[in-house]
Amino acid sequence: MKKNLGSLDRALRLVVAAVLAVLAWNGTLAGPLALGAWIVVAVFVLTSLVSFCPLYRVIGMDTCSKG
């Protein structure tokens, strides 16, 4: 599994995940929206930790710097 997420992309995913987690945790998002938010949080955190996004691979996108 080749890495395809750059540092900025990973950081943005973690920030979005944190915001969604707070909104779902404090009740701002409720019901199906909260469940969807938790799913997005899980996917964003997991993909950030492993630096790989399967969707990016499918569409041929790569934000990882070639240093």
N, C-alpha and C. Protein backbone atom coordinates (compact mmCIF):
# COMPACT_ATOMS: atom_id res chain seq x y z
N MET A 1 0.85 -1.17 0.00
CA MET A 1 0.00 0.00 0.00
C MET A 1 0.91 1.24 0.00
N LYS A 2 0.91 1.94 -1.11
CA LYS A 2 1.75 3.12 -1.28
C LYS A 2 1.04 4.33 -0.68
N LYS A 3 1.76 5.14 0.08
CA LYS A 3 1.18 6.33 0.69
C LYS A 3 0.75 7.32 -0.38
N ASN A 4 -0.42 7.92 -0.19
CA ASN A 4 -0.89 8.91 -1.15
C ASN A 4 -1.49 10.16 -0.48
N LEU A 5 -1.23 10.33 0.82
CA LEU A 5 -1.69 11.51 1.54
C LEU A 5 -0.49 12.31 2.02
N GLY A 6 -0.47 13.59 1.67
CA GLY A 6 0.58 14.47 2.13
C GLY A 6 0.31 14.99 3.54
N SER A 7 1.27 15.71 4.09
CA SER A 7 1.16 16.22 5.46
C SER A 7 -0.02 17.17 5.64
N LEU A 8 -0.20 18.09 4.69
CA LEU A 8 -1.31 19.05 4.79
C LEU A 8 -2.64 18.34 4.71
N ASP A 9 -2.77 17.39 3.82
CA ASP A 9 -4.01 16.62 3.67
C ASP A 9 -4.32 15.86 4.94
N ARG A 10 -3.31 15.23 5.53
CA ARG A 10 -3.51 14.49 6.77
C ARG A 10 -3.95 15.41 7.90
N ALA A 11 -3.30 16.58 8.00
CA ALA A 11 -3.64 17.53 9.07
C ALA A 11 -5.07 18.04 8.89
N LEU A 12 -5.45 18.37 7.67
CA LEU A 12 -6.81 18.85 7.42
C LEU A 12 -7.85 17.79 7.76
N ARG A 13 -7.56 16.56 7.43
CA ARG A 13 -8.49 15.48 7.77
C ARG A 13 -8.65 15.33 9.28
N LEU A 14 -7.56 15.47 10.01
CA LEU A 14 -7.65 15.37 11.47
C LEU A 14 -8.42 16.53 12.08
N VAL A 15 -8.24 17.73 11.52
CA VAL A 15 -8.98 18.90 12.01
C VAL A 15 -10.47 18.73 11.75
N VAL A 16 -10.82 18.31 10.54
CA VAL A 16 -12.24 18.10 10.20
C VAL A 16 -12.82 17.00 11.09
N ALA A 17 -12.06 15.95 11.31
CA ALA A 17 -12.53 14.86 12.17
C ALA A 17 -12.77 15.35 13.59
N ALA A 18 -11.87 16.19 14.10
CA ALA A 18 -12.04 16.72 15.46
C ALA A 18 -13.28 17.60 15.56
N VAL A 19 -13.50 18.45 14.57
CA VAL A 19 -14.68 19.32 14.58
C VAL A 19 -15.95 18.49 14.52
N LEU A 20 -16.00 17.52 13.62
CA LEU A 20 -17.19 16.67 13.53
C LEU A 20 -17.42 15.87 14.81
N ALA A 21 -16.36 15.39 15.42
CA ALA A 21 -16.50 14.64 16.67
C ALA A 21 -17.08 15.51 17.77
N VAL A 22 -16.62 16.75 17.87
CA VAL A 22 -17.15 17.67 18.89
C VAL A 22 -18.62 17.96 18.62
N LEU A 23 -18.96 18.22 17.36
CA LEU A 23 -20.36 18.52 17.03
C LEU A 23 -21.28 17.33 17.31
N ALA A 24 -20.81 16.13 17.04
CA ALA A 24 -21.62 14.94 17.31
C ALA A 24 -21.68 14.65 18.81
N TRP A 25 -20.58 14.87 19.50
CA TRP A 25 -20.52 14.57 20.93
C TRP A 25 -21.41 15.49 21.76
N ASN A 26 -21.43 16.79 21.41
CA ASN A 26 -22.20 17.72 22.24
C ASN A 26 -23.67 17.83 21.82
N GLY A 27 -24.08 17.08 20.80
CA GLY A 27 -25.48 17.04 20.43
C GLY A 27 -25.90 18.03 19.35
N THR A 28 -24.97 18.79 18.83
CA THR A 28 -25.30 19.71 17.73
C THR A 28 -25.77 18.92 16.52
N LEU A 29 -25.12 17.80 16.27
CA LEU A 29 -25.58 16.88 15.24
C LEU A 29 -26.26 15.72 15.95
N ALA A 30 -27.47 15.39 15.51
CA ALA A 30 -28.21 14.33 16.19
C ALA A 30 -28.77 13.34 15.17
N GLY A 31 -29.11 12.17 15.65
CA GLY A 31 -29.73 11.15 14.81
C GLY A 31 -28.81 10.67 13.71
N PRO A 32 -29.36 10.57 12.49
CA PRO A 32 -28.58 10.06 11.36
C PRO A 32 -27.36 10.95 11.03
N LEU A 33 -27.49 12.25 11.24
CA LEU A 33 -26.35 13.14 10.99
C LEU A 33 -25.19 12.83 11.93
N ALA A 34 -25.49 12.55 13.17
CA ALA A 34 -24.44 12.22 14.14
C ALA A 34 -23.78 10.90 13.76
N LEU A 35 -24.58 9.93 13.37
CA LEU A 35 -24.02 8.64 12.95
C LEU A 35 -23.11 8.83 11.73
N GLY A 36 -23.57 9.61 10.77
CA GLY A 36 -22.75 9.89 9.59
C GLY A 36 -21.46 10.61 9.96
N ALA A 37 -21.57 11.54 10.89
CA ALA A 37 -20.38 12.28 11.34
C ALA A 37 -19.38 11.33 11.99
N TRP A 38 -19.84 10.40 12.82
CA TRP A 38 -18.93 9.46 13.47
C TRP A 38 -18.26 8.54 12.44
N ILE A 39 -18.99 8.18 11.40
CA ILE A 39 -18.40 7.35 10.35
C ILE A 39 -17.30 8.12 9.62
N VAL A 40 -17.59 9.38 9.29
CA VAL A 40 -16.59 10.22 8.62
C VAL A 40 -15.38 10.42 9.52
N VAL A 41 -15.61 10.64 10.81
CA VAL A 41 -14.52 10.79 11.77
C VAL A 41 -13.63 9.55 11.75
N ALA A 42 -14.24 8.38 11.82
CA ALA A 42 -13.47 7.13 11.83
C ALA A 42 -12.64 6.97 10.56
N VAL A 43 -13.26 7.25 9.41
CA VAL A 43 -12.55 7.11 8.14
C VAL A 43 -11.41 8.12 8.04
N PHE A 44 -11.68 9.38 8.40
CA PHE A 44 -10.64 10.41 8.31
C PHE A 44 -9.47 10.13 9.24
N VAL A 45 -9.75 9.69 10.46
CA VAL A 45 -8.66 9.40 11.40
C VAL A 45 -7.86 8.20 10.91
N LEU A 46 -8.53 7.16 10.47
CA LEU A 46 -7.83 5.96 9.99
C LEU A 46 -6.97 6.27 8.77
N THR A 47 -7.53 6.97 7.80
CA THR A 47 -6.76 7.28 6.59
C THR A 47 -5.60 8.23 6.91
N SER A 48 -5.79 9.12 7.88
CA SER A 48 -4.70 10.01 8.27
C SER A 48 -3.56 9.25 8.94
N LEU A 49 -3.91 8.29 9.76
CA LEU A 49 -2.88 7.52 10.47
C LEU A 49 -2.06 6.63 9.54
N VAL A 50 -2.70 6.08 8.51
CA VAL A 50 -1.97 5.19 7.60
C VAL A 50 -1.48 5.91 6.35
N SER A 51 -1.82 7.18 6.20
CA SER A 51 -1.40 8.01 5.05
C SER A 51 -1.83 7.43 3.71
N PHE A 52 -2.98 6.77 3.70
CA PHE A 52 -3.47 6.16 2.47
C PHE A 52 -4.98 6.34 2.38
N CYS A 53 -5.44 6.81 1.23
CA CYS A 53 -6.88 6.96 0.98
C CYS A 53 -7.25 6.11 -0.23
N PRO A 54 -8.08 5.09 -0.04
CA PRO A 54 -8.48 4.23 -1.17
C PRO A 54 -9.19 5.02 -2.28
N LEU A 55 -9.97 6.00 -1.93
CA LEU A 55 -10.67 6.80 -2.94
C LEU A 55 -9.67 7.56 -3.82
N TYR A 56 -8.62 8.08 -3.21
CA TYR A 56 -7.58 8.77 -3.99
C TYR A 56 -6.96 7.81 -5.00
N ARG A 57 -6.77 6.58 -4.59
CA ARG A 57 -6.18 5.58 -5.50
C ARG A 57 -7.09 5.32 -6.69
N VAL A 58 -8.39 5.23 -6.43
CA VAL A 58 -9.36 4.97 -7.50
C VAL A 58 -9.38 6.10 -8.51
N ILE A 59 -9.33 7.36 -8.02
CA ILE A 59 -9.42 8.50 -8.94
C ILE A 59 -8.04 8.97 -9.41
N GLY A 60 -6.98 8.32 -8.95
CA GLY A 60 -5.63 8.65 -9.39
C GLY A 60 -5.05 9.90 -8.77
N MET A 61 -5.50 10.25 -7.60
CA MET A 61 -5.01 11.46 -6.92
C MET A 61 -3.91 11.09 -5.93
N ASP A 62 -2.95 12.00 -5.76
CA ASP A 62 -1.84 11.77 -4.84
C ASP A 62 -1.38 13.11 -4.30
N THR A 63 -1.50 13.33 -2.99
CA THR A 63 -1.07 14.60 -2.39
C THR A 63 0.24 14.44 -1.64
N CYS A 64 0.82 13.27 -1.71
CA CYS A 64 2.09 13.00 -1.04
C CYS A 64 3.23 13.63 -1.84
N SER A 65 4.10 14.37 -1.16
CA SER A 65 5.21 15.00 -1.87
C SER A 65 6.24 13.96 -2.29
N LYS A 66 6.81 14.16 -3.41
CA LYS A 66 7.81 13.23 -3.93
C LYS A 66 9.20 13.76 -3.62
N GLY A 67 9.61 13.63 -2.36
CA GLY A 67 10.88 14.19 -1.92
C GLY A 67 11.96 13.26 -1.98
